[in-house]
Amino acid sequence: MTELTQPAIFVDADSCPVKNEIAHISMEFRLHVVFVASYAHKTAESQYGKWIYVDPDKESADLYILNHVRKYDVVVTQDIGLASMLLPKRVYSISPRGREYKEDMIATALDLRYLSAKARRQGKYDKGPKAFKTEDRKAFTKKFAEILSKIVSGERNI
């Protein structure tokens, strides 16, 4: 990517609860959005941005995103594993709850994900993720706009 090329926004869209917010804020900043979803989640309604549909295999959307992002792009994902692979590429990565994934915290997040998966394999289940709330939506909107503002102003420090 050249410095003259505008960064794009990629969305791991299958279970993303903030697609409307992404579309609205991206339009305000005049940035291109690519929603990546499984064919199993294909909708007939017309939606903002470019929609890419991939095979329903577990990692298909992640692999598409990983293979198409460029330095300074933004990815919205709940997938900590995907976020960990994006950080070395100098890609901004944010969760739908407004948590920006950073290099200094990703190892801990991966360790916790591993321990949770290990416990599930042993038959130990916790309550699962907390319900998505209005506060989460507001936190996402604020952080997403903050990241896009940095990008558009040329402040690209990942």
C-alpha atoms as a PDB file:
ATOM      1  CA  MET A   1       0.000   0.000   0.000  1.00  0.00           C
ATOM      2  CA  THR A   2       1.275   3.451  -0.793  1.00  0.00           C
ATOM      3  CA  GLU A   3       0.803   6.322   1.583  1.00  0.00           C
ATOM      4  CA  LEU A   4      -1.621   7.876  -0.934  1.00  0.00           C
ATOM      5  CA  THR A   5      -3.988   4.908  -0.805  1.00  0.00           C
ATOM      6  CA  GLN A   6      -6.855   5.244   1.650  1.00  0.00           C
ATOM      7  CA  PRO A   7      -7.020   2.451   4.192  1.00  0.00           C
ATOM      8  CA  ALA A   8      -9.988   0.108   4.011  1.00  0.00           C
ATOM      9  CA  ILE A   9     -12.162  -1.305   6.741  1.00  0.00           C
ATOM     10  CA  PHE A  10     -12.718  -5.054   6.834  1.00  0.00           C
ATOM     11  CA  VAL A  11     -15.486  -6.546   8.951  1.00  0.00           C
ATOM     12  CA  ASP A  12     -15.666 -10.154  10.113  1.00  0.00           C
ATOM     13  CA  ALA A  13     -19.395  -9.852   9.522  1.00  0.00           C
ATOM     14  CA  ASP A  14     -21.015 -13.196  10.377  1.00  0.00           C
ATOM     15  CA  SER A  15     -21.898 -12.337  13.952  1.00  0.00           C
ATOM     16  CA  CYS A  16     -20.972  -8.672  14.065  1.00  0.00           C
ATOM     17  CA  PRO A  17     -23.603  -6.691  16.014  1.00  0.00           C
ATOM     18  CA  VAL A  18     -22.335  -3.251  14.919  1.00  0.00           C
ATOM     19  CA  LYS A  19     -22.582  -3.426  11.114  1.00  0.00           C
ATOM     20  CA  ASN A  20     -24.898  -0.397  10.938  1.00  0.00           C
ATOM     21  CA  GLU A  21     -22.551   1.678  13.088  1.00  0.00           C
ATOM     22  CA  ILE A  22     -19.589   0.665  10.922  1.00  0.00           C
ATOM     23  CA  ALA A  23     -21.450   1.664   7.761  1.00  0.00           C
ATOM     24  CA  HIS A  24     -22.577   5.014   9.178  1.00  0.00           C
ATOM     25  CA  ILE A  25     -19.213   6.051  10.644  1.00  0.00           C
ATOM     26  CA  SER A  26     -17.276   4.823   7.592  1.00  0.00           C
ATOM     27  CA  MET A  27     -19.459   6.970   5.335  1.00  0.00           C
ATOM     28  CA  GLU A  28     -18.716  10.011   7.513  1.00  0.00           C
ATOM     29  CA  PHE A  29     -14.974   9.403   7.053  1.00  0.00           C
ATOM     30  CA  ARG A  30     -15.403   8.417   3.382  1.00  0.00           C
ATOM     31  CA  LEU A  31     -13.615   5.103   3.873  1.00  0.00           C
ATOM     32  CA  HIS A  32     -14.312   1.919   1.928  1.00  0.00           C
ATOM     33  CA  VAL A  33     -15.826  -1.004   3.876  1.00  0.00           C
ATOM     34  CA  VAL A  34     -15.585  -4.695   3.014  1.00  0.00           C
ATOM     35  CA  PHE A  35     -17.939  -6.982   4.933  1.00  0.00           C
ATOM     36  CA  VAL A  36     -16.768 -10.598   4.811  1.00  0.00           C
ATOM     37  CA  ALA A  37     -19.359 -13.248   5.646  1.00  0.00           C
ATOM     38  CA  SER A  38     -20.142 -16.877   5.056  1.00  0.00           C
ATOM     39  CA  TYR A  39     -22.551 -17.860   2.273  1.00  0.00           C
ATOM     40  CA  ALA A  40     -24.658 -19.274   5.111  1.00  0.00           C
ATOM     41  CA  HIS A  41     -25.266 -15.686   6.304  1.00  0.00           C
ATOM     42  CA  LYS A  42     -26.032 -14.158   2.908  1.00  0.00           C
ATOM     43  CA  THR A  43     -28.920 -11.688   2.936  1.00  0.00           C
ATOM     44  CA  ALA A  44     -31.012 -10.411   0.057  1.00  0.00           C
ATOM     45  CA  GLU A  45     -31.268  -6.863   1.360  1.00  0.00           C
ATOM     46  CA  SER A  46     -29.034  -4.175  -0.078  1.00  0.00           C
ATOM     47  CA  GLN A  47     -26.482  -2.989   2.442  1.00  0.00           C
ATOM     48  CA  TYR A  48     -23.738  -0.379   2.503  1.00  0.00           C
ATOM     49  CA  GLY A  49     -20.231  -1.375   1.460  1.00  0.00           C
ATOM     50  CA  LYS A  50     -18.833  -4.248  -0.499  1.00  0.00           C
ATOM     51  CA  TRP A  51     -19.964  -7.692   0.596  1.00  0.00           C
ATOM     52  CA  ILE A  52     -17.714 -10.695   0.051  1.00  0.00           C
ATOM     53  CA  TYR A  53     -19.161 -14.142   0.703  1.00  0.00           C
ATOM     54  CA  VAL A  54     -16.868 -17.054   1.469  1.00  0.00           C
ATOM     55  CA  ASP A  55     -17.269 -20.766   2.115  1.00  0.00           C
ATOM     56  CA  PRO A  56     -18.932 -21.619   5.429  1.00  0.00           C
ATOM     57  CA  ASP A  57     -15.740 -23.283   6.717  1.00  0.00           C
ATOM     58  CA  LYS A  58     -14.752 -22.079  10.170  1.00  0.00           C
ATOM     59  CA  GLU A  59     -11.782 -19.921   9.172  1.00  0.00           C
ATOM     60  CA  SER A  60     -12.769 -18.827   5.627  1.00  0.00           C
ATOM     61  CA  ALA A  61     -13.685 -15.237   6.524  1.00  0.00           C
ATOM     62  CA  ASP A  62     -10.556 -14.887   8.667  1.00  0.00           C
ATOM     63  CA  LEU A  63      -8.332 -16.148   5.852  1.00  0.00           C
ATOM     64  CA  TYR A  64      -9.944 -13.802   3.333  1.00  0.00           C
ATOM     65  CA  ILE A  65      -9.370 -10.839   5.626  1.00  0.00           C
ATOM     66  CA  LEU A  66      -5.820 -11.893   6.481  1.00  0.00           C
ATOM     67  CA  ASN A  67      -4.944 -12.245   2.791  1.00  0.00           C
ATOM     68  CA  HIS A  68      -6.470  -8.907   1.708  1.00  0.00           C
ATOM     69  CA  VAL A  69      -5.630  -6.397   4.453  1.00  0.00           C
ATOM     70  CA  ARG A  70      -2.826  -3.931   4.092  1.00  0.00           C
ATOM     71  CA  LYS A  71      -0.852  -1.820   6.486  1.00  0.00           C
ATOM     72  CA  TYR A  72      -3.071   0.727   8.287  1.00  0.00           C
ATOM     73  CA  ASP A  73      -6.342  -0.961   7.339  1.00  0.00           C
ATOM     74  CA  VAL A  74      -8.911  -1.487  10.110  1.00  0.00           C
ATOM     75  CA  VAL A  75     -10.477  -4.844  10.968  1.00  0.00           C
ATOM     76  CA  VAL A  76     -13.530  -5.299  13.168  1.00  0.00           C
ATOM     77  CA  THR A  77     -13.529  -8.808  14.621  1.00  0.00           C
ATOM     78  CA  GLN A  78     -14.334 -10.743  17.753  1.00  0.00           C
ATOM     79  CA  ASP A  79     -11.668 -13.302  16.852  1.00  0.00           C
ATOM     80  CA  ILE A  80      -8.595 -12.886  19.060  1.00  0.00           C
ATOM     81  CA  GLY A  81      -6.611 -15.305  16.888  1.00  0.00           C
ATOM     82  CA  LEU A  82      -7.266 -13.213  13.778  1.00  0.00           C
ATOM     83  CA  ALA A  83      -6.410 -10.030  15.665  1.00  0.00           C
ATOM     84  CA  SER A  84      -3.100 -11.553  16.779  1.00  0.00           C
ATOM     85  CA  MET A  85      -2.149 -12.237  13.156  1.00  0.00           C
ATOM     86  CA  LEU A  86      -3.133  -8.733  12.045  1.00  0.00           C
ATOM     87  CA  LEU A  87      -1.032  -6.798  14.554  1.00  0.00           C
ATOM     88  CA  PRO A  88       2.354  -7.709  12.967  1.00  0.00           C
ATOM     89  CA  LYS A  89       0.941  -6.460   9.642  1.00  0.00           C
ATOM     90  CA  ARG A  90       0.338  -3.065  11.326  1.00  0.00           C
ATOM     91  CA  VAL A  91      -3.418  -3.352  10.930  1.00  0.00           C
ATOM     92  CA  TYR A  92      -5.760  -1.727  13.438  1.00  0.00           C
ATOM     93  CA  SER A  93      -7.970  -4.362  15.023  1.00  0.00           C
ATOM     94  CA  ILE A  94     -11.013  -3.647  17.182  1.00  0.00           C
ATOM     95  CA  SER A  95     -13.729  -5.783  18.737  1.00  0.00           C
ATOM     96  CA  PRO A  96     -17.445  -4.986  18.351  1.00  0.00           C
ATOM     97  CA  ARG A  97     -17.378  -4.034  22.043  1.00  0.00           C
ATOM     98  CA  GLY A  98     -14.868  -1.258  21.344  1.00  0.00           C
ATOM     99  CA  ARG A  99     -11.759  -2.998  22.605  1.00  0.00           C
ATOM    100  CA  GLU A 100      -8.740  -2.211  20.448  1.00  0.00           C
ATOM    101  CA  TYR A 101      -6.405  -5.169  20.248  1.00  0.00           C
ATOM    102  CA  LYS A 102      -2.839  -4.108  21.031  1.00  0.00           C
ATOM    103  CA  GLU A 103       0.462  -5.941  20.941  1.00  0.00           C
ATOM    104  CA  ASP A 104       0.979  -5.633  24.718  1.00  0.00           C
ATOM    105  CA  MET A 105      -2.252  -7.489  25.572  1.00  0.00           C
ATOM    106  CA  ILE A 106      -2.712 -10.027  22.795  1.00  0.00           C
ATOM    107  CA  ALA A 107      -0.561 -12.786  24.366  1.00  0.00           C
ATOM    108  CA  THR A 108      -2.663 -12.704  27.532  1.00  0.00           C
ATOM    109  CA  ALA A 109      -5.891 -12.783  25.521  1.00  0.00           C
ATOM    110  CA  LEU A 110      -4.632 -15.793  23.529  1.00  0.00           C
ATOM    111  CA  ASP A 111      -3.637 -17.572  26.744  1.00  0.00           C
ATOM    112  CA  LEU A 112      -7.102 -17.025  28.225  1.00  0.00           C
ATOM    113  CA  ARG A 113      -8.716 -18.264  25.009  1.00  0.00           C
ATOM    114  CA  TYR A 114      -6.558 -21.393  25.151  1.00  0.00           C
ATOM    115  CA  LEU A 115      -7.440 -22.073  28.798  1.00  0.00           C
ATOM    116  CA  SER A 116     -11.163 -21.634  28.071  1.00  0.00           C
ATOM    117  CA  ALA A 117     -10.980 -24.048  25.124  1.00  0.00           C
ATOM    118  CA  LYS A 118      -9.085 -26.557  27.253  1.00  0.00           C
ATOM    119  CA  ALA A 119     -11.719 -26.348  29.982  1.00  0.00           C
ATOM    120  CA  ARG A 120     -14.516 -26.869  27.429  1.00  0.00           C
ATOM    121  CA  ARG A 121     -12.773 -29.990  26.091  1.00  0.00           C
ATOM    122  CA  GLN A 122     -12.766 -31.291  29.669  1.00  0.00           C
ATOM    123  CA  GLY A 123     -16.506 -30.697  29.901  1.00  0.00           C
ATOM    124  CA  LYS A 124     -16.294 -27.533  31.981  1.00  0.00           C
ATOM    125  CA  TYR A 125     -18.469 -24.784  30.607  1.00  0.00           C
ATOM    126  CA  ASP A 126     -18.787 -21.249  31.845  1.00  0.00           C
ATOM    127  CA  LYS A 127     -21.651 -18.848  31.223  1.00  0.00           C
ATOM    128  CA  GLY A 128     -20.327 -17.767  27.821  1.00  0.00           C
ATOM    129  CA  PRO A 129     -19.923 -14.204  26.649  1.00  0.00           C
ATOM    130  CA  LYS A 130     -21.847 -11.420  28.302  1.00  0.00           C
ATOM    131  CA  ALA A 131     -24.894 -10.125  26.459  1.00  0.00           C
ATOM    132  CA  PHE A 132     -24.158  -7.285  24.054  1.00  0.00           C
ATOM    133  CA  LYS A 133     -25.424  -4.050  25.620  1.00  0.00           C
ATOM    134  CA  THR A 134     -26.003  -0.435  24.667  1.00  0.00           C
ATOM    135  CA  GLU A 135     -22.811   0.483  26.554  1.00  0.00           C
ATOM    136  CA  ASP A 136     -20.861  -1.922  24.305  1.00  0.00           C
ATOM    137  CA  ARG A 137     -22.322  -0.289  21.196  1.00  0.00           C
ATOM    138  CA  LYS A 138     -21.406   3.175  22.510  1.00  0.00           C
ATOM    139  CA  ALA A 139     -17.865   2.053  23.391  1.00  0.00           C
ATOM    140  CA  PHE A 140     -17.435   0.624  19.907  1.00  0.00           C
ATOM    141  CA  THR A 141     -18.769   3.744  18.204  1.00  0.00           C
ATOM    142  CA  LYS A 142     -16.433   5.989  20.200  1.00  0.00           C
ATOM    143  CA  LYS A 143     -13.301   3.868  19.684  1.00  0.00           C
ATOM    144  CA  PHE A 144     -14.021   3.168  16.000  1.00  0.00           C
ATOM    145  CA  ALA A 145     -14.486   6.872  15.243  1.00  0.00           C
ATOM    146  CA  GLU A 146     -11.310   7.646  17.209  1.00  0.00           C
ATOM    147  CA  ILE A 147      -9.284   5.147  15.133  1.00  0.00           C
ATOM    148  CA  LEU A 148     -10.712   6.401  11.833  1.00  0.00           C
ATOM    149  CA  SER A 149     -10.020   9.986  12.855  1.00  0.00           C
ATOM    150  CA  LYS A 150      -6.363   9.110  13.499  1.00  0.00           C
ATOM    151  CA  ILE A 151      -6.095   7.372  10.145  1.00  0.00           C
ATOM    152  CA  VAL A 152      -7.702  10.175   8.157  1.00  0.00           C
ATOM    153  CA  SER A 153      -5.537  12.808   9.883  1.00  0.00           C
ATOM    154  CA  GLY A 154      -2.396  10.848   9.008  1.00  0.00           C
ATOM    155  CA  GLU A 155      -1.606   9.811  12.575  1.00  0.00           C
ATOM    156  CA  ARG A 156      -0.854   6.175  11.885  1.00  0.00           C
ATOM    157  CA  ASN A 157       0.889   4.773  14.911  1.00  0.00           C
ATOM    158  CA  ILE A 158       0.231   1.139  15.533  1.00  0.00           C
END
